N, C-alpha and C. Protein backbone atom coordinates (compact mmCIF):
# COMPACT_ATOMS: atom_id res chain seq x y z
N MET A 1 26.09 -41.37 27.10
CA MET A 1 25.96 -39.94 26.95
C MET A 1 25.61 -39.55 25.50
N VAL A 2 26.24 -40.17 24.53
CA VAL A 2 25.98 -39.86 23.13
C VAL A 2 24.58 -40.30 22.74
N VAL A 3 24.14 -41.43 23.23
CA VAL A 3 22.80 -41.93 22.91
C VAL A 3 21.75 -40.97 23.47
N GLU A 4 21.96 -40.46 24.65
CA GLU A 4 21.02 -39.50 25.23
C GLU A 4 20.97 -38.23 24.40
N ALA A 5 22.12 -37.76 23.95
CA ALA A 5 22.17 -36.54 23.14
C ALA A 5 21.45 -36.75 21.81
N VAL A 6 21.60 -37.93 21.22
CA VAL A 6 20.94 -38.22 19.95
C VAL A 6 19.42 -38.21 20.11
N LEU A 7 18.92 -38.56 21.26
CA LEU A 7 17.48 -38.57 21.51
C LEU A 7 16.96 -37.21 21.97
N VAL A 8 17.73 -36.51 22.77
CA VAL A 8 17.26 -35.26 23.38
C VAL A 8 17.37 -34.07 22.43
N ILE A 9 18.45 -33.95 21.69
CA ILE A 9 18.66 -32.78 20.85
C ILE A 9 17.58 -32.64 19.77
N PRO A 10 17.22 -33.68 19.01
CA PRO A 10 16.13 -33.50 18.04
C PRO A 10 14.80 -33.12 18.69
N ALA A 11 14.53 -33.68 19.86
CA ALA A 11 13.28 -33.33 20.55
C ALA A 11 13.29 -31.86 20.96
N LEU A 12 14.41 -31.36 21.46
CA LEU A 12 14.51 -29.95 21.83
C LEU A 12 14.41 -29.04 20.61
N MET A 13 15.00 -29.44 19.51
CA MET A 13 14.91 -28.65 18.28
C MET A 13 13.46 -28.59 17.78
N LEU A 14 12.75 -29.69 17.88
CA LEU A 14 11.35 -29.71 17.47
C LEU A 14 10.51 -28.78 18.34
N VAL A 15 10.74 -28.82 19.63
CA VAL A 15 10.03 -27.93 20.55
C VAL A 15 10.34 -26.47 20.21
N LEU A 16 11.59 -26.16 19.92
CA LEU A 16 11.99 -24.80 19.57
C LEU A 16 11.31 -24.36 18.27
N LEU A 17 11.27 -25.22 17.26
CA LEU A 17 10.60 -24.88 16.01
C LEU A 17 9.11 -24.62 16.21
N VAL A 18 8.48 -25.43 17.05
CA VAL A 18 7.05 -25.24 17.33
C VAL A 18 6.81 -23.90 18.02
N VAL A 19 7.65 -23.54 18.97
CA VAL A 19 7.51 -22.27 19.69
C VAL A 19 7.69 -21.09 18.72
N VAL A 20 8.70 -21.16 17.87
CA VAL A 20 8.95 -20.08 16.91
C VAL A 20 7.78 -19.98 15.92
N GLN A 21 7.29 -21.11 15.42
CA GLN A 21 6.18 -21.08 14.48
C GLN A 21 4.92 -20.51 15.12
N PHE A 22 4.64 -20.88 16.36
CA PHE A 22 3.48 -20.32 17.05
C PHE A 22 3.64 -18.81 17.23
N SER A 23 4.84 -18.36 17.53
CA SER A 23 5.09 -16.92 17.69
C SER A 23 4.85 -16.18 16.38
N LEU A 24 5.31 -16.74 15.27
CA LEU A 24 5.07 -16.12 13.96
C LEU A 24 3.58 -16.05 13.64
N TRP A 25 2.85 -17.12 13.95
CA TRP A 25 1.40 -17.13 13.72
C TRP A 25 0.70 -16.08 14.59
N ALA A 26 1.09 -15.99 15.86
CA ALA A 26 0.47 -15.02 16.77
C ALA A 26 0.73 -13.59 16.30
N HIS A 27 1.94 -13.32 15.86
CA HIS A 27 2.26 -11.98 15.36
C HIS A 27 1.44 -11.66 14.11
N ALA A 28 1.36 -12.60 13.20
CA ALA A 28 0.58 -12.40 11.97
C ALA A 28 -0.90 -12.17 12.30
N SER A 29 -1.41 -12.86 13.31
CA SER A 29 -2.81 -12.65 13.72
C SER A 29 -3.03 -11.23 14.25
N GLN A 30 -2.07 -10.74 15.03
CA GLN A 30 -2.18 -9.38 15.57
C GLN A 30 -2.11 -8.33 14.46
N VAL A 31 -1.21 -8.53 13.51
CA VAL A 31 -1.09 -7.59 12.40
C VAL A 31 -2.36 -7.60 11.56
N THR A 32 -2.93 -8.77 11.34
CA THR A 32 -4.18 -8.88 10.57
C THR A 32 -5.31 -8.15 11.29
N GLN A 33 -5.39 -8.31 12.59
CA GLN A 33 -6.43 -7.63 13.37
C GLN A 33 -6.24 -6.12 13.31
N LEU A 34 -5.00 -5.66 13.42
CA LEU A 34 -4.72 -4.23 13.34
C LEU A 34 -5.10 -3.67 11.98
N ALA A 35 -4.74 -4.38 10.91
CA ALA A 35 -5.06 -3.92 9.56
C ALA A 35 -6.57 -3.83 9.36
N ALA A 36 -7.31 -4.82 9.84
CA ALA A 36 -8.77 -4.80 9.71
C ALA A 36 -9.37 -3.63 10.51
N ALA A 37 -8.87 -3.40 11.70
CA ALA A 37 -9.39 -2.31 12.53
C ALA A 37 -9.10 -0.94 11.91
N GLU A 38 -7.89 -0.76 11.41
CA GLU A 38 -7.52 0.52 10.80
C GLU A 38 -8.29 0.75 9.49
N GLY A 39 -8.42 -0.29 8.69
CA GLY A 39 -9.19 -0.17 7.45
C GLY A 39 -10.64 0.16 7.73
N ASN A 40 -11.22 -0.49 8.73
CA ASN A 40 -12.62 -0.25 9.09
C ASN A 40 -12.79 1.16 9.63
N ARG A 41 -11.87 1.58 10.48
CA ARG A 41 -11.96 2.94 11.05
C ARG A 41 -11.90 3.99 9.95
N THR A 42 -11.01 3.79 9.00
CA THR A 42 -10.87 4.75 7.90
C THR A 42 -12.11 4.74 7.01
N ALA A 43 -12.62 3.57 6.68
CA ALA A 43 -13.80 3.47 5.80
C ALA A 43 -15.05 4.05 6.46
N ARG A 44 -15.13 3.97 7.80
CA ARG A 44 -16.31 4.47 8.50
C ARG A 44 -16.29 5.97 8.71
N ALA A 45 -15.13 6.59 8.61
CA ALA A 45 -15.00 8.02 8.89
C ALA A 45 -15.83 8.85 7.91
N LEU A 46 -16.34 9.95 8.40
CA LEU A 46 -17.17 10.83 7.60
C LEU A 46 -16.41 11.31 6.37
N GLY A 47 -16.98 11.09 5.19
CA GLY A 47 -16.38 11.55 3.94
C GLY A 47 -15.41 10.55 3.32
N ASN A 48 -15.15 9.44 3.95
CA ASN A 48 -14.26 8.43 3.37
C ASN A 48 -15.06 7.35 2.67
N SER A 49 -14.34 6.45 2.00
CA SER A 49 -15.00 5.39 1.25
C SER A 49 -14.34 4.06 1.55
N ALA A 50 -14.90 3.00 0.98
CA ALA A 50 -14.31 1.67 1.14
C ALA A 50 -12.92 1.61 0.52
N ALA A 51 -12.71 2.35 -0.56
CA ALA A 51 -11.39 2.37 -1.21
C ALA A 51 -10.34 2.97 -0.28
N ASN A 52 -10.69 4.04 0.44
CA ASN A 52 -9.76 4.64 1.39
C ASN A 52 -9.44 3.66 2.52
N GLY A 53 -10.45 2.96 3.00
CA GLY A 53 -10.24 1.98 4.06
C GLY A 53 -9.36 0.83 3.60
N SER A 54 -9.59 0.37 2.38
CA SER A 54 -8.77 -0.71 1.84
C SER A 54 -7.32 -0.28 1.69
N ALA A 55 -7.11 0.94 1.23
CA ALA A 55 -5.74 1.46 1.09
C ALA A 55 -5.05 1.55 2.45
N GLN A 56 -5.79 1.97 3.48
CA GLN A 56 -5.20 2.06 4.83
C GLN A 56 -4.84 0.67 5.36
N ALA A 57 -5.71 -0.30 5.14
CA ALA A 57 -5.42 -1.66 5.59
C ALA A 57 -4.20 -2.22 4.86
N GLN A 58 -4.10 -1.95 3.56
CA GLN A 58 -2.93 -2.41 2.80
C GLN A 58 -1.65 -1.76 3.30
N THR A 59 -1.73 -0.49 3.70
CA THR A 59 -0.56 0.19 4.24
C THR A 59 -0.07 -0.49 5.51
N VAL A 60 -1.00 -0.85 6.38
CA VAL A 60 -0.63 -1.56 7.61
C VAL A 60 -0.01 -2.91 7.29
N LEU A 61 -0.60 -3.62 6.35
CA LEU A 61 -0.07 -4.93 5.98
C LEU A 61 1.31 -4.83 5.34
N GLU A 62 1.53 -3.82 4.52
CA GLU A 62 2.83 -3.64 3.87
C GLU A 62 3.92 -3.31 4.87
N SER A 63 3.55 -2.63 5.96
CA SER A 63 4.56 -2.31 6.96
C SER A 63 5.02 -3.55 7.71
N SER A 64 4.23 -4.63 7.66
CA SER A 64 4.60 -5.89 8.31
C SER A 64 4.60 -7.02 7.30
N SER A 65 5.03 -6.74 6.10
CA SER A 65 4.95 -7.73 5.03
C SER A 65 5.82 -8.95 5.28
N ALA A 66 6.78 -8.85 6.18
CA ALA A 66 7.65 -10.00 6.45
C ALA A 66 6.92 -11.09 7.25
N SER A 67 5.78 -10.78 7.85
CA SER A 67 5.12 -11.77 8.70
C SER A 67 3.86 -12.37 8.07
N ILE A 68 3.35 -11.77 6.99
CA ILE A 68 2.11 -12.25 6.38
C ILE A 68 2.29 -12.31 4.86
N THR A 69 1.76 -13.37 4.25
CA THR A 69 1.81 -13.48 2.80
C THR A 69 0.40 -13.72 2.27
N GLY A 70 0.20 -13.48 1.00
CA GLY A 70 -1.08 -13.78 0.36
C GLY A 70 -2.26 -13.05 0.97
N THR A 71 -2.10 -11.78 1.27
CA THR A 71 -3.17 -11.04 1.95
C THR A 71 -4.24 -10.56 0.98
N THR A 72 -5.46 -10.52 1.48
CA THR A 72 -6.57 -9.91 0.76
C THR A 72 -7.35 -9.04 1.73
N VAL A 73 -7.84 -7.92 1.22
CA VAL A 73 -8.65 -7.00 2.02
C VAL A 73 -9.96 -6.79 1.28
N SER A 74 -11.07 -6.97 1.98
CA SER A 74 -12.37 -6.67 1.38
C SER A 74 -13.18 -5.84 2.36
N ILE A 75 -13.77 -4.77 1.83
CA ILE A 75 -14.61 -3.89 2.64
C ILE A 75 -15.97 -3.80 1.97
N ASP A 76 -17.00 -4.15 2.73
CA ASP A 76 -18.36 -4.13 2.23
C ASP A 76 -19.18 -3.12 3.01
N ILE A 77 -19.98 -2.33 2.29
CA ILE A 77 -20.93 -1.43 2.93
C ILE A 77 -22.27 -2.14 2.92
N LEU A 78 -22.73 -2.53 4.10
CA LEU A 78 -23.97 -3.29 4.24
C LEU A 78 -25.16 -2.34 4.41
N PRO A 79 -26.36 -2.84 4.23
CA PRO A 79 -27.54 -2.00 4.45
C PRO A 79 -27.54 -1.43 5.87
N GLY A 80 -28.01 -0.20 5.98
CA GLY A 80 -28.05 0.45 7.28
C GLY A 80 -26.76 1.17 7.62
N GLY A 81 -25.86 1.29 6.65
CA GLY A 81 -24.62 2.02 6.89
C GLY A 81 -23.60 1.26 7.73
N ILE A 82 -23.66 -0.05 7.69
CA ILE A 82 -22.71 -0.87 8.43
C ILE A 82 -21.53 -1.20 7.51
N VAL A 83 -20.31 -1.05 8.04
CA VAL A 83 -19.10 -1.33 7.27
C VAL A 83 -18.47 -2.60 7.83
N ARG A 84 -18.23 -3.57 6.92
CA ARG A 84 -17.58 -4.82 7.33
C ARG A 84 -16.25 -4.92 6.59
N THR A 85 -15.18 -5.10 7.37
CA THR A 85 -13.84 -5.20 6.81
C THR A 85 -13.29 -6.58 7.14
N ARG A 86 -12.82 -7.28 6.10
CA ARG A 86 -12.21 -8.60 6.28
C ARG A 86 -10.79 -8.56 5.73
N VAL A 87 -9.86 -9.06 6.51
CA VAL A 87 -8.47 -9.18 6.08
C VAL A 87 -8.07 -10.64 6.29
N THR A 88 -7.53 -11.25 5.25
CA THR A 88 -7.08 -12.64 5.34
C THR A 88 -5.67 -12.76 4.77
N GLY A 89 -4.99 -13.80 5.17
CA GLY A 89 -3.65 -14.06 4.67
C GLY A 89 -3.10 -15.32 5.29
N TYR A 90 -1.80 -15.49 5.16
CA TYR A 90 -1.12 -16.66 5.70
C TYR A 90 0.10 -16.21 6.49
N ALA A 91 0.27 -16.79 7.67
CA ALA A 91 1.45 -16.50 8.48
C ALA A 91 2.67 -17.11 7.82
N VAL A 92 3.77 -16.41 7.90
CA VAL A 92 5.02 -16.94 7.35
C VAL A 92 5.39 -18.19 8.13
N SER A 93 5.84 -19.19 7.41
CA SER A 93 6.17 -20.47 8.03
C SER A 93 7.66 -20.74 7.93
N ILE A 94 8.22 -21.33 8.98
CA ILE A 94 9.64 -21.72 8.93
C ILE A 94 9.79 -23.13 8.39
N VAL A 95 8.67 -23.82 8.21
CA VAL A 95 8.68 -25.15 7.62
C VAL A 95 8.16 -25.01 6.18
N PRO A 96 8.94 -25.38 5.19
CA PRO A 96 8.47 -25.24 3.81
C PRO A 96 7.17 -26.01 3.55
N GLU A 97 6.34 -25.45 2.69
CA GLU A 97 5.07 -26.06 2.29
C GLU A 97 4.05 -26.18 3.41
N LEU A 98 4.26 -25.48 4.50
CA LEU A 98 3.31 -25.50 5.62
C LEU A 98 2.86 -24.06 5.86
N SER A 99 1.57 -23.80 5.78
CA SER A 99 1.09 -22.44 5.99
C SER A 99 -0.10 -22.45 6.94
N PHE A 100 -0.17 -21.41 7.74
CA PHE A 100 -1.24 -21.26 8.71
C PHE A 100 -2.05 -20.01 8.37
N PRO A 101 -3.36 -20.17 8.10
CA PRO A 101 -4.17 -19.01 7.73
C PRO A 101 -4.45 -18.10 8.93
N VAL A 102 -4.53 -16.82 8.64
CA VAL A 102 -4.93 -15.82 9.63
C VAL A 102 -6.02 -14.96 8.99
N SER A 103 -6.96 -14.52 9.80
CA SER A 103 -8.01 -13.64 9.28
C SER A 103 -8.59 -12.82 10.42
N ALA A 104 -9.17 -11.69 10.04
CA ALA A 104 -9.82 -10.82 11.01
C ALA A 104 -10.98 -10.12 10.32
N THR A 105 -12.07 -9.94 11.05
CA THR A 105 -13.24 -9.22 10.56
C THR A 105 -13.64 -8.18 11.60
N VAL A 106 -13.85 -6.95 11.12
CA VAL A 106 -14.28 -5.87 12.00
C VAL A 106 -15.53 -5.25 11.38
N VAL A 107 -16.54 -5.01 12.20
CA VAL A 107 -17.81 -4.44 11.74
C VAL A 107 -18.12 -3.21 12.57
N GLY A 108 -18.60 -2.16 11.90
CA GLY A 108 -18.98 -0.95 12.63
C GLY A 108 -19.84 -0.05 11.77
N PRO A 109 -20.54 0.91 12.41
CA PRO A 109 -21.43 1.81 11.67
C PRO A 109 -20.64 2.97 11.03
N GLN A 110 -21.15 3.44 9.88
CA GLN A 110 -20.56 4.61 9.25
C GLN A 110 -20.86 5.84 10.09
N GLN A 111 -19.93 6.78 10.10
CA GLN A 111 -20.17 8.03 10.79
C GLN A 111 -21.01 8.91 9.88
N GLU A 112 -21.92 9.66 10.48
CA GLU A 112 -22.76 10.55 9.70
C GLU A 112 -23.01 11.83 10.49
N PHE A 113 -23.26 12.87 9.77
CA PHE A 113 -23.55 14.17 10.39
C PHE A 113 -25.05 14.31 10.58
N ARG A 114 -25.44 14.63 11.80
CA ARG A 114 -26.86 14.84 12.11
C ARG A 114 -27.01 16.27 12.65
N PRO A 115 -27.50 17.16 11.83
CA PRO A 115 -27.62 18.54 12.28
C PRO A 115 -28.66 18.67 13.40
N GLY A 116 -28.31 19.49 14.36
CA GLY A 116 -29.22 19.77 15.46
C GLY A 116 -29.34 18.67 16.47
N ALA A 117 -28.49 17.69 16.46
CA ALA A 117 -28.58 16.59 17.41
C ALA A 117 -27.65 16.79 18.55
């Protein structure tokens, strides 16, 4: 009985750690996607700028700062009025010195006013 416990308990603990780590990575991926989408939406809005979009993305990331570390937000205005928002970071890890990168990119056109359309 003791020999079985010595073999089974570490294996179950490893499985549990893997499940928890995957959950942390999945949550960080969702937060990154949300931050990129919100930053892009704000930057594309009529009268806003890339700085406003970046601030909005940072606000989303700060609200979930416990799940993502080392985040960067970049918003580029491409030719033709296309806005590209990239958010990158690392999911929090329960294993020291082990990090899993997360990133999201959202692209969309700037809103513009067209009189008489």
